[in-house]
Amino acid sequence: MAQEGSITGTVQDKNFKNLEGVQVTIEGSEKVCITDSTGLFYFSNLEPATYSLNFYLKGYVSQK
């Protein structure tokens, strides 16, 4: 039976303020989540692998 994993994190600006409403995507997939009011995001049911995440919030420069 294959193991499933997850990715969780918090998105902050350069002043360490948690950012709400950031679109977080896993590169090369259709998986998307939006950060909550504390900047938290969570992906579950992931196959073991190395993933690249993309972050987008209007008014900010997109990051990987």
N, C-alpha and C. Protein backbone atom coordinates (compact mmCIF):
# COMPACT_ATOMS: atom_id res chain seq x y z
N MET A 1 0.84 -1.18 0.00
CA MET A 1 0.00 0.00 0.00
C MET A 1 0.89 1.25 0.00
N ALA A 2 0.63 2.16 -0.92
CA ALA A 2 1.43 3.38 -1.02
C ALA A 2 1.06 4.35 0.10
N GLN A 3 2.07 5.03 0.58
CA GLN A 3 1.83 6.06 1.59
C GLN A 3 1.33 7.32 0.92
N GLU A 4 0.51 8.06 1.65
CA GLU A 4 0.07 9.37 1.17
C GLU A 4 0.67 10.42 2.06
N GLY A 5 0.94 11.57 1.48
CA GLY A 5 1.54 12.65 2.24
C GLY A 5 0.72 13.91 2.16
N SER A 6 1.25 14.94 2.80
CA SER A 6 0.59 16.23 2.77
C SER A 6 1.64 17.34 2.79
N ILE A 7 1.22 18.51 2.41
CA ILE A 7 2.06 19.71 2.47
C ILE A 7 1.25 20.77 3.19
N THR A 8 1.84 21.38 4.19
CA THR A 8 1.17 22.46 4.90
C THR A 8 2.17 23.59 5.14
N GLY A 9 1.67 24.78 5.24
CA GLY A 9 2.56 25.90 5.49
C GLY A 9 1.79 27.19 5.73
N THR A 10 2.53 28.23 6.00
CA THR A 10 1.96 29.55 6.23
C THR A 10 2.64 30.54 5.30
N VAL A 11 1.86 31.38 4.65
CA VAL A 11 2.39 32.39 3.73
C VAL A 11 2.41 33.73 4.46
N GLN A 12 3.58 34.37 4.41
CA GLN A 12 3.77 35.66 5.07
C GLN A 12 4.44 36.63 4.10
N ASP A 13 4.24 37.94 4.36
CA ASP A 13 4.94 38.93 3.57
C ASP A 13 6.32 39.18 4.18
N LYS A 14 7.08 40.10 3.61
CA LYS A 14 8.45 40.33 4.07
C LYS A 14 8.52 40.87 5.50
N ASN A 15 7.39 41.36 6.01
CA ASN A 15 7.33 41.85 7.40
C ASN A 15 6.74 40.81 8.34
N PHE A 16 6.63 39.56 7.87
CA PHE A 16 6.13 38.42 8.64
C PHE A 16 4.65 38.54 8.99
N LYS A 17 3.90 39.30 8.19
CA LYS A 17 2.45 39.37 8.34
C LYS A 17 1.84 38.21 7.57
N ASN A 18 0.97 37.43 8.23
CA ASN A 18 0.29 36.32 7.55
C ASN A 18 -0.63 36.87 6.47
N LEU A 19 -0.62 36.21 5.30
CA LEU A 19 -1.41 36.68 4.16
C LEU A 19 -2.60 35.77 3.89
N GLU A 20 -3.78 36.36 3.92
CA GLU A 20 -5.02 35.64 3.62
C GLU A 20 -5.33 35.76 2.13
N GLY A 21 -5.91 34.71 1.55
CA GLY A 21 -6.37 34.76 0.17
C GLY A 21 -5.32 34.49 -0.87
N VAL A 22 -4.16 33.98 -0.47
CA VAL A 22 -3.10 33.63 -1.44
C VAL A 22 -3.49 32.33 -2.14
N GLN A 23 -3.41 32.34 -3.46
CA GLN A 23 -3.65 31.12 -4.24
C GLN A 23 -2.36 30.31 -4.27
N VAL A 24 -2.41 29.10 -3.76
CA VAL A 24 -1.25 28.21 -3.75
C VAL A 24 -1.55 27.04 -4.68
N THR A 25 -0.66 26.78 -5.62
CA THR A 25 -0.85 25.68 -6.55
C THR A 25 0.37 24.77 -6.53
N ILE A 26 0.13 23.50 -6.85
CA ILE A 26 1.22 22.55 -7.05
C ILE A 26 1.53 22.56 -8.54
N GLU A 27 2.74 22.94 -8.89
CA GLU A 27 3.15 23.05 -10.29
C GLU A 27 2.93 21.74 -11.02
N GLY A 28 2.32 21.82 -12.20
CA GLY A 28 2.10 20.64 -13.02
C GLY A 28 0.88 19.84 -12.63
N SER A 29 0.06 20.36 -11.72
CA SER A 29 -1.16 19.67 -11.33
C SER A 29 -2.32 20.66 -11.32
N GLU A 30 -3.50 20.16 -11.05
CA GLU A 30 -4.68 21.02 -10.94
C GLU A 30 -5.02 21.31 -9.48
N LYS A 31 -4.15 20.90 -8.56
CA LYS A 31 -4.41 21.12 -7.13
C LYS A 31 -4.18 22.59 -6.77
N VAL A 32 -5.18 23.18 -6.14
CA VAL A 32 -5.15 24.59 -5.75
C VAL A 32 -5.77 24.71 -4.37
N CYS A 33 -5.22 25.58 -3.55
CA CYS A 33 -5.89 25.94 -2.30
C CYS A 33 -5.65 27.43 -2.06
N ILE A 34 -6.46 28.00 -1.17
CA ILE A 34 -6.39 29.41 -0.84
C ILE A 34 -6.07 29.52 0.65
N THR A 35 -5.11 30.38 1.00
CA THR A 35 -4.76 30.52 2.41
C THR A 35 -5.92 31.10 3.22
N ASP A 36 -6.01 30.68 4.47
CA ASP A 36 -7.07 31.16 5.35
C ASP A 36 -6.65 32.47 6.02
N SER A 37 -7.41 32.91 7.00
CA SER A 37 -7.15 34.20 7.65
C SER A 37 -5.84 34.24 8.41
N THR A 38 -5.25 33.07 8.68
CA THR A 38 -3.96 33.02 9.37
C THR A 38 -2.81 32.74 8.39
N GLY A 39 -3.10 32.73 7.07
CA GLY A 39 -2.09 32.47 6.06
C GLY A 39 -1.80 31.00 5.84
N LEU A 40 -2.57 30.12 6.47
CA LEU A 40 -2.33 28.68 6.41
C LEU A 40 -2.88 28.07 5.13
N PHE A 41 -2.10 27.13 4.54
CA PHE A 41 -2.57 26.32 3.41
C PHE A 41 -2.26 24.87 3.70
N TYR A 42 -3.01 23.96 3.04
CA TYR A 42 -2.86 22.53 3.31
C TYR A 42 -3.27 21.73 2.08
N PHE A 43 -2.38 20.87 1.62
CA PHE A 43 -2.68 19.89 0.58
C PHE A 43 -2.59 18.51 1.20
N SER A 44 -3.54 17.63 0.89
CA SER A 44 -3.51 16.27 1.42
C SER A 44 -3.62 15.26 0.28
N ASN A 45 -3.50 13.99 0.63
CA ASN A 45 -3.62 12.89 -0.33
C ASN A 45 -2.62 13.00 -1.48
N LEU A 46 -1.37 13.31 -1.15
CA LEU A 46 -0.32 13.45 -2.16
C LEU A 46 0.56 12.21 -2.19
N GLU A 47 0.92 11.83 -3.39
CA GLU A 47 1.89 10.75 -3.54
C GLU A 47 3.26 11.23 -3.07
N PRO A 48 4.07 10.35 -2.49
CA PRO A 48 5.42 10.75 -2.09
C PRO A 48 6.20 11.24 -3.32
N ALA A 49 6.69 12.45 -3.27
CA ALA A 49 7.42 13.04 -4.40
C ALA A 49 7.97 14.39 -3.95
N THR A 50 8.72 15.03 -4.84
CA THR A 50 9.17 16.39 -4.62
C THR A 50 8.24 17.30 -5.41
N TYR A 51 7.72 18.32 -4.76
CA TYR A 51 6.75 19.22 -5.38
C TYR A 51 7.28 20.64 -5.41
N SER A 52 6.89 21.40 -6.43
CA SER A 52 7.14 22.84 -6.51
C SER A 52 5.82 23.55 -6.33
N LEU A 53 5.81 24.55 -5.45
CA LEU A 53 4.60 25.30 -5.19
C LEU A 53 4.70 26.68 -5.82
N ASN A 54 3.57 27.19 -6.27
CA ASN A 54 3.47 28.55 -6.79
C ASN A 54 2.51 29.33 -5.91
N PHE A 55 2.83 30.60 -5.68
CA PHE A 55 2.03 31.45 -4.80
C PHE A 55 1.63 32.70 -5.57
N TYR A 56 0.33 33.05 -5.50
CA TYR A 56 -0.16 34.25 -6.20
C TYR A 56 -1.14 35.00 -5.31
N LEU A 57 -0.93 36.29 -5.20
CA LEU A 57 -1.87 37.20 -4.54
C LEU A 57 -1.82 38.52 -5.29
N LYS A 58 -2.96 38.99 -5.73
CA LYS A 58 -3.02 40.25 -6.47
C LYS A 58 -2.33 41.35 -5.69
N GLY A 59 -1.47 42.10 -6.36
CA GLY A 59 -0.74 43.19 -5.73
C GLY A 59 0.65 42.77 -5.26
N TYR A 60 0.97 41.49 -5.37
CA TYR A 60 2.28 40.97 -4.98
C TYR A 60 2.92 40.30 -6.19
N VAL A 61 4.22 40.15 -6.19
CA VAL A 61 4.94 39.42 -7.23
C VAL A 61 4.77 37.93 -6.95
N SER A 62 4.38 37.15 -7.98
CA SER A 62 4.22 35.71 -7.82
C SER A 62 5.55 35.07 -7.43
N GLN A 63 5.49 34.04 -6.60
CA GLN A 63 6.68 33.35 -6.11
C GLN A 63 6.55 31.86 -6.32
N LYS A 64 7.70 31.20 -6.42
CA LYS A 64 7.76 29.73 -6.45
C LYS A 64 8.44 29.27 -5.20
